[in-house]
Amino acid sequence: MSHGHDETPEQIEHIFKCYCETGLTLAALAVVRRGGAATAAEACDNIATFTAGIMITDEKKLAREMDDLTRQGYLEQKDGRYHITPAGKNLMFTMLKQWNKYVDAMNNLWGCYYGA
């Protein structure tokens, strides 16, 4: 009987792909907001730092995400640095609130795993 410990890293990545993509969006907004402004390289380093190394991202992938957020109006670029917009701050707040709800809900599922 498997207890979820036999999955390969690729299987885990596939299962949690949507969470990883959402997490990247949230992390990009958060580190730009916290730093006031950032380049993609600085944001990449700060994500690793602020998440205690748990979330490591590829700088090119992060730059694409930040460019997408810029096109959507959540970030803006000035002098090669990204800045968060009021819409970006609102999105970040909304995402954090929802993320916390999901984390709480997922934590409650441990009772199902242990049969409680």
N, C-alpha and C. Protein backbone atom coordinates (compact mmCIF):
# COMPACT_ATOMS: atom_id res chain seq x y z
N MET A 1 0.84 -1.18 0.00
CA MET A 1 0.00 0.00 0.00
C MET A 1 0.89 1.24 0.00
N SER A 2 0.62 2.14 -0.91
CA SER A 2 1.42 3.36 -1.01
C SER A 2 0.89 4.41 -0.03
N HIS A 3 1.81 5.10 0.59
CA HIS A 3 1.45 6.19 1.48
C HIS A 3 1.92 7.52 0.91
N GLY A 4 2.04 7.59 -0.42
CA GLY A 4 2.43 8.83 -1.05
C GLY A 4 3.92 9.08 -1.02
N HIS A 5 4.70 8.06 -0.74
CA HIS A 5 6.14 8.25 -0.65
C HIS A 5 6.88 7.64 -1.83
N ASP A 6 6.13 7.05 -2.76
CA ASP A 6 6.75 6.36 -3.87
C ASP A 6 6.78 7.17 -5.16
N GLU A 7 6.18 8.35 -5.15
CA GLU A 7 6.09 9.16 -6.35
C GLU A 7 7.45 9.76 -6.70
N THR A 8 7.70 9.82 -8.00
CA THR A 8 8.93 10.45 -8.46
C THR A 8 8.77 11.97 -8.39
N PRO A 9 9.87 12.70 -8.40
CA PRO A 9 9.76 14.16 -8.42
C PRO A 9 8.92 14.67 -9.61
N GLU A 10 9.01 13.99 -10.74
CA GLU A 10 8.23 14.40 -11.91
C GLU A 10 6.73 14.22 -11.67
N GLN A 11 6.36 13.12 -10.99
CA GLN A 11 4.95 12.89 -10.68
C GLN A 11 4.44 13.95 -9.70
N ILE A 12 5.24 14.23 -8.71
CA ILE A 12 4.86 15.25 -7.73
C ILE A 12 4.70 16.61 -8.43
N GLU A 13 5.65 16.94 -9.29
CA GLU A 13 5.59 18.22 -10.01
C GLU A 13 4.32 18.30 -10.84
N HIS A 14 3.96 17.21 -11.52
CA HIS A 14 2.74 17.19 -12.34
C HIS A 14 1.50 17.39 -11.46
N ILE A 15 1.45 16.70 -10.35
CA ILE A 15 0.30 16.78 -9.45
C ILE A 15 0.12 18.21 -8.92
N PHE A 16 1.21 18.86 -8.61
CA PHE A 16 1.13 20.18 -7.98
C PHE A 16 1.43 21.33 -8.93
N LYS A 17 1.36 21.07 -10.24
CA LYS A 17 1.71 22.10 -11.22
C LYS A 17 0.89 23.38 -11.04
N CYS A 18 -0.43 23.24 -10.86
CA CYS A 18 -1.26 24.43 -10.72
C CYS A 18 -0.88 25.23 -9.47
N TYR A 19 -0.51 24.52 -8.39
CA TYR A 19 -0.10 25.23 -7.18
C TYR A 19 1.24 25.94 -7.40
N CYS A 20 2.12 25.30 -8.12
CA CYS A 20 3.43 25.90 -8.40
C CYS A 20 3.28 27.16 -9.25
N GLU A 21 2.40 27.09 -10.24
CA GLU A 21 2.19 28.26 -11.11
C GLU A 21 1.56 29.41 -10.32
N THR A 22 0.58 29.10 -9.51
CA THR A 22 -0.05 30.13 -8.68
C THR A 22 0.94 30.67 -7.67
N GLY A 23 1.74 29.78 -7.09
CA GLY A 23 2.76 30.20 -6.13
C GLY A 23 3.78 31.12 -6.75
N LEU A 24 4.15 30.87 -8.00
CA LEU A 24 5.10 31.73 -8.69
C LEU A 24 4.53 33.12 -8.90
N THR A 25 3.28 33.20 -9.29
CA THR A 25 2.62 34.50 -9.45
C THR A 25 2.61 35.26 -8.13
N LEU A 26 2.18 34.58 -7.08
CA LEU A 26 2.10 35.21 -5.76
C LEU A 26 3.49 35.62 -5.27
N ALA A 27 4.46 34.77 -5.45
CA ALA A 27 5.83 35.08 -5.00
C ALA A 27 6.39 36.27 -5.76
N ALA A 28 6.15 36.33 -7.06
CA ALA A 28 6.64 37.45 -7.87
C ALA A 28 6.06 38.77 -7.36
N LEU A 29 4.77 38.78 -7.13
CA LEU A 29 4.13 40.00 -6.61
C LEU A 29 4.68 40.36 -5.23
N ALA A 30 4.83 39.35 -4.38
CA ALA A 30 5.24 39.59 -2.99
C ALA A 30 6.65 40.16 -2.90
N VAL A 31 7.59 39.59 -3.64
CA VAL A 31 8.97 40.07 -3.51
C VAL A 31 9.15 41.44 -4.13
N VAL A 32 8.39 41.73 -5.19
CA VAL A 32 8.47 43.08 -5.77
C VAL A 32 7.86 44.08 -4.79
N ARG A 33 6.74 43.72 -4.17
CA ARG A 33 6.11 44.62 -3.19
C ARG A 33 7.03 44.85 -1.99
N ARG A 34 7.62 43.79 -1.49
CA ARG A 34 8.47 43.93 -0.30
C ARG A 34 9.73 44.73 -0.59
N GLY A 35 10.31 44.51 -1.75
CA GLY A 35 11.54 45.20 -2.09
C GLY A 35 11.33 46.59 -2.66
N GLY A 36 10.10 46.93 -2.97
CA GLY A 36 9.83 48.23 -3.55
C GLY A 36 10.03 48.23 -5.06
N ALA A 37 11.01 47.54 -5.53
CA ALA A 37 11.30 47.38 -6.96
C ALA A 37 12.35 46.29 -7.08
N ALA A 38 12.33 45.61 -8.19
CA ALA A 38 13.30 44.53 -8.35
C ALA A 38 13.49 44.19 -9.82
N THR A 39 14.65 43.67 -10.12
CA THR A 39 14.88 43.04 -11.41
C THR A 39 14.43 41.59 -11.27
N ALA A 40 14.36 40.89 -12.37
CA ALA A 40 13.98 39.47 -12.31
C ALA A 40 15.02 38.68 -11.51
N ALA A 41 16.30 39.00 -11.68
CA ALA A 41 17.36 38.29 -10.94
C ALA A 41 17.23 38.53 -9.43
N GLU A 42 16.98 39.77 -9.03
CA GLU A 42 16.81 40.07 -7.61
C GLU A 42 15.57 39.37 -7.05
N ALA A 43 14.49 39.39 -7.82
CA ALA A 43 13.26 38.73 -7.39
C ALA A 43 13.49 37.24 -7.21
N CYS A 44 14.24 36.64 -8.12
CA CYS A 44 14.54 35.21 -8.04
C CYS A 44 15.30 34.89 -6.74
N ASP A 45 16.31 35.68 -6.45
CA ASP A 45 17.08 35.50 -5.21
C ASP A 45 16.21 35.72 -3.98
N ASN A 46 15.36 36.75 -4.03
CA ASN A 46 14.51 37.06 -2.88
C ASN A 46 13.45 35.99 -2.63
N ILE A 47 12.93 35.38 -3.68
CA ILE A 47 11.96 34.29 -3.49
C ILE A 47 12.62 33.17 -2.70
N ALA A 48 13.83 32.80 -3.11
CA ALA A 48 14.55 31.74 -2.39
C ALA A 48 14.81 32.14 -0.95
N THR A 49 15.20 33.38 -0.74
CA THR A 49 15.50 33.86 0.61
C THR A 49 14.25 33.91 1.48
N PHE A 50 13.19 34.52 0.97
CA PHE A 50 11.97 34.70 1.76
C PHE A 50 11.24 33.40 2.02
N THR A 51 11.48 32.38 1.21
CA THR A 51 10.82 31.08 1.43
C THR A 51 11.78 30.08 2.06
N ALA A 52 12.87 30.54 2.60
CA ALA A 52 13.88 29.70 3.26
C ALA A 52 14.36 28.57 2.35
N GLY A 53 14.47 28.89 1.06
CA GLY A 53 15.00 27.92 0.10
C GLY A 53 14.00 26.86 -0.34
N ILE A 54 12.79 26.92 0.15
CA ILE A 54 11.79 25.93 -0.23
C ILE A 54 11.31 26.17 -1.67
N MET A 55 11.21 27.42 -2.05
CA MET A 55 10.74 27.75 -3.39
C MET A 55 11.91 28.32 -4.19
N ILE A 56 12.40 27.54 -5.10
CA ILE A 56 13.49 27.95 -5.98
C ILE A 56 12.91 28.02 -7.39
N THR A 57 13.19 29.09 -8.10
CA THR A 57 12.64 29.23 -9.44
C THR A 57 13.74 29.59 -10.43
N ASP A 58 13.49 29.26 -11.65
CA ASP A 58 14.39 29.60 -12.75
C ASP A 58 14.19 31.07 -13.09
N GLU A 59 15.29 31.80 -13.23
CA GLU A 59 15.20 33.24 -13.48
C GLU A 59 14.46 33.55 -14.78
N LYS A 60 14.69 32.77 -15.82
CA LYS A 60 14.01 33.03 -17.10
C LYS A 60 12.51 32.80 -16.98
N LYS A 61 12.12 31.75 -16.27
CA LYS A 61 10.70 31.47 -16.05
C LYS A 61 10.05 32.59 -15.24
N LEU A 62 10.76 33.06 -14.22
CA LEU A 62 10.26 34.15 -13.40
C LEU A 62 10.14 35.43 -14.22
N ALA A 63 11.12 35.70 -15.06
CA ALA A 63 11.07 36.90 -15.91
C ALA A 63 9.85 36.85 -16.84
N ARG A 64 9.54 35.68 -17.38
CA ARG A 64 8.35 35.55 -18.24
C ARG A 64 7.09 35.81 -17.42
N GLU A 65 7.04 35.28 -16.20
CA GLU A 65 5.88 35.51 -15.33
C GLU A 65 5.74 37.00 -15.01
N MET A 66 6.85 37.64 -14.73
CA MET A 66 6.81 39.07 -14.39
C MET A 66 6.40 39.90 -15.62
N ASP A 67 6.83 39.49 -16.80
CA ASP A 67 6.40 40.18 -18.02
C ASP A 67 4.90 39.99 -18.24
N ASP A 68 4.39 38.77 -17.97
CA ASP A 68 2.95 38.53 -18.08
C ASP A 68 2.18 39.41 -17.08
N LEU A 69 2.68 39.49 -15.87
CA LEU A 69 2.04 40.34 -14.86
C LEU A 69 2.07 41.81 -15.26
N THR A 70 3.12 42.21 -15.96
CA THR A 70 3.22 43.58 -16.46
C THR A 70 2.17 43.81 -17.54
N ARG A 71 2.04 42.88 -18.48
CA ARG A 71 1.04 43.00 -19.55
C ARG A 71 -0.38 43.06 -18.98
N GLN A 72 -0.59 42.38 -17.85
CA GLN A 72 -1.92 42.36 -17.23
C GLN A 72 -2.17 43.57 -16.32
N GLY A 73 -1.15 44.39 -16.12
CA GLY A 73 -1.32 45.60 -15.32
C GLY A 73 -1.05 45.43 -13.84
N TYR A 74 -0.48 44.29 -13.43
CA TYR A 74 -0.21 44.05 -12.01
C TYR A 74 1.19 44.51 -11.60
N LEU A 75 2.09 44.57 -12.55
CA LEU A 75 3.43 45.12 -12.35
C LEU A 75 3.66 46.15 -13.44
N GLU A 76 4.62 47.02 -13.21
CA GLU A 76 5.06 47.94 -14.26
C GLU A 76 6.57 47.99 -14.22
N GLN A 77 7.15 48.36 -15.35
CA GLN A 77 8.61 48.43 -15.42
C GLN A 77 9.04 49.87 -15.60
N LYS A 78 10.02 50.25 -14.78
CA LYS A 78 10.64 51.58 -14.88
C LYS A 78 12.14 51.36 -14.72
N ASP A 79 12.88 51.84 -15.69
CA ASP A 79 14.35 51.74 -15.65
C ASP A 79 14.82 50.30 -15.43
N GLY A 80 14.15 49.34 -16.07
CA GLY A 80 14.57 47.95 -15.99
C GLY A 80 14.20 47.25 -14.70
N ARG A 81 13.43 47.90 -13.85
CA ARG A 81 13.04 47.32 -12.56
C ARG A 81 11.51 47.21 -12.52
N TYR A 82 11.05 46.16 -11.89
CA TYR A 82 9.61 45.95 -11.76
C TYR A 82 9.10 46.62 -10.49
N HIS A 83 7.92 47.20 -10.62
CA HIS A 83 7.23 47.84 -9.50
C HIS A 83 5.81 47.28 -9.47
N ILE A 84 5.26 47.12 -8.28
CA ILE A 84 3.89 46.61 -8.17
C ILE A 84 2.92 47.78 -8.34
N THR A 85 1.81 47.51 -9.00
CA THR A 85 0.78 48.52 -9.20
C THR A 85 -0.30 48.34 -8.12
N PRO A 86 -1.19 49.32 -7.98
CA PRO A 86 -2.31 49.13 -7.04
C PRO A 86 -3.12 47.86 -7.37
N ALA A 87 -3.32 47.59 -8.64
CA ALA A 87 -4.04 46.36 -9.02
C ALA A 87 -3.25 45.12 -8.59
N GLY A 88 -1.93 45.19 -8.69
CA GLY A 88 -1.08 44.08 -8.26
C GLY A 88 -1.15 43.86 -6.75
N LYS A 89 -1.18 44.96 -5.99
CA LYS A 89 -1.32 44.84 -4.53
C LYS A 89 -2.65 44.19 -4.18
N ASN A 90 -3.71 44.58 -4.88
CA ASN A 90 -5.02 44.00 -4.63
C ASN A 90 -5.04 42.51 -4.98
N LEU A 91 -4.45 42.16 -6.12
CA LEU A 91 -4.39 40.75 -6.51
C LEU A 91 -3.60 39.94 -5.48
N MET A 92 -2.48 40.49 -5.04
CA MET A 92 -1.66 39.79 -4.05
C MET A 92 -2.44 39.55 -2.76
N PHE A 93 -3.15 40.57 -2.28
CA PHE A 93 -3.95 40.44 -1.06
C PHE A 93 -5.02 39.36 -1.24
N THR A 94 -5.72 39.40 -2.37
CA THR A 94 -6.78 38.43 -2.65
C THR A 94 -6.20 37.02 -2.72
N MET A 95 -5.06 36.87 -3.40
CA MET A 95 -4.43 35.56 -3.52
C MET A 95 -3.97 35.03 -2.17
N LEU A 96 -3.40 35.89 -1.34
CA LEU A 96 -2.95 35.46 -0.02
C LEU A 96 -4.12 35.00 0.85
N LYS A 97 -5.22 35.74 0.81
CA LYS A 97 -6.40 35.33 1.58
C LYS A 97 -6.90 33.98 1.12
N GLN A 98 -7.01 33.80 -0.20
CA GLN A 98 -7.51 32.54 -0.73
C GLN A 98 -6.54 31.40 -0.46
N TRP A 99 -5.25 31.69 -0.62
CA TRP A 99 -4.22 30.67 -0.38
C TRP A 99 -4.32 30.16 1.06
N ASN A 100 -4.48 31.08 2.01
CA ASN A 100 -4.60 30.68 3.41
C ASN A 100 -5.82 29.79 3.64
N LYS A 101 -6.92 30.09 2.96
CA LYS A 101 -8.11 29.24 3.08
C LYS A 101 -7.82 27.83 2.59
N TYR A 102 -7.14 27.73 1.44
CA TYR A 102 -6.81 26.41 0.89
C TYR A 102 -5.85 25.66 1.80
N VAL A 103 -4.87 26.34 2.34
CA VAL A 103 -3.92 25.68 3.23
C VAL A 103 -4.65 25.14 4.46
N ASP A 104 -5.52 25.94 5.03
CA ASP A 104 -6.29 25.47 6.19
C ASP A 104 -7.13 24.26 5.82
N ALA A 105 -7.77 24.31 4.66
CA ALA A 105 -8.61 23.19 4.23
C ALA A 105 -7.76 21.93 4.01
N MET A 106 -6.62 22.08 3.38
CA MET A 106 -5.75 20.93 3.13
C MET A 106 -5.22 20.35 4.44
N ASN A 107 -4.89 21.20 5.38
CA ASN A 107 -4.43 20.71 6.68
C ASN A 107 -5.51 19.90 7.38
N ASN A 108 -6.75 20.26 7.19
CA ASN A 108 -7.85 19.51 7.80
C ASN A 108 -7.97 18.11 7.19
N LEU A 109 -7.45 17.90 6.02
CA LEU A 109 -7.53 16.58 5.38
C LEU A 109 -6.58 15.56 5.99
N TRP A 110 -5.65 15.99 6.82
CA TRP A 110 -4.77 15.02 7.49
C TRP A 110 -5.59 14.03 8.29
N GLY A 111 -6.71 14.46 8.84
CA GLY A 111 -7.57 13.55 9.59
C GLY A 111 -8.06 12.40 8.73
N CYS A 112 -8.28 12.66 7.44
CA CYS A 112 -8.70 11.59 6.52
C CYS A 112 -7.56 10.60 6.31
N TYR A 113 -6.33 11.12 6.21
CA TYR A 113 -5.17 10.26 6.00
C TYR A 113 -4.97 9.33 7.19
N TYR A 114 -5.09 9.90 8.37
CA TYR A 114 -4.83 9.11 9.59
C TYR A 114 -6.07 8.38 10.08
N GLY A 115 -7.20 8.60 9.43
CA GLY A 115 -8.43 7.89 9.81
C GLY A 115 -9.10 8.44 11.04
N ALA A 116 -8.80 9.67 11.37
CA ALA A 116 -9.39 10.27 12.57
C ALA A 116 -10.79 10.76 12.28
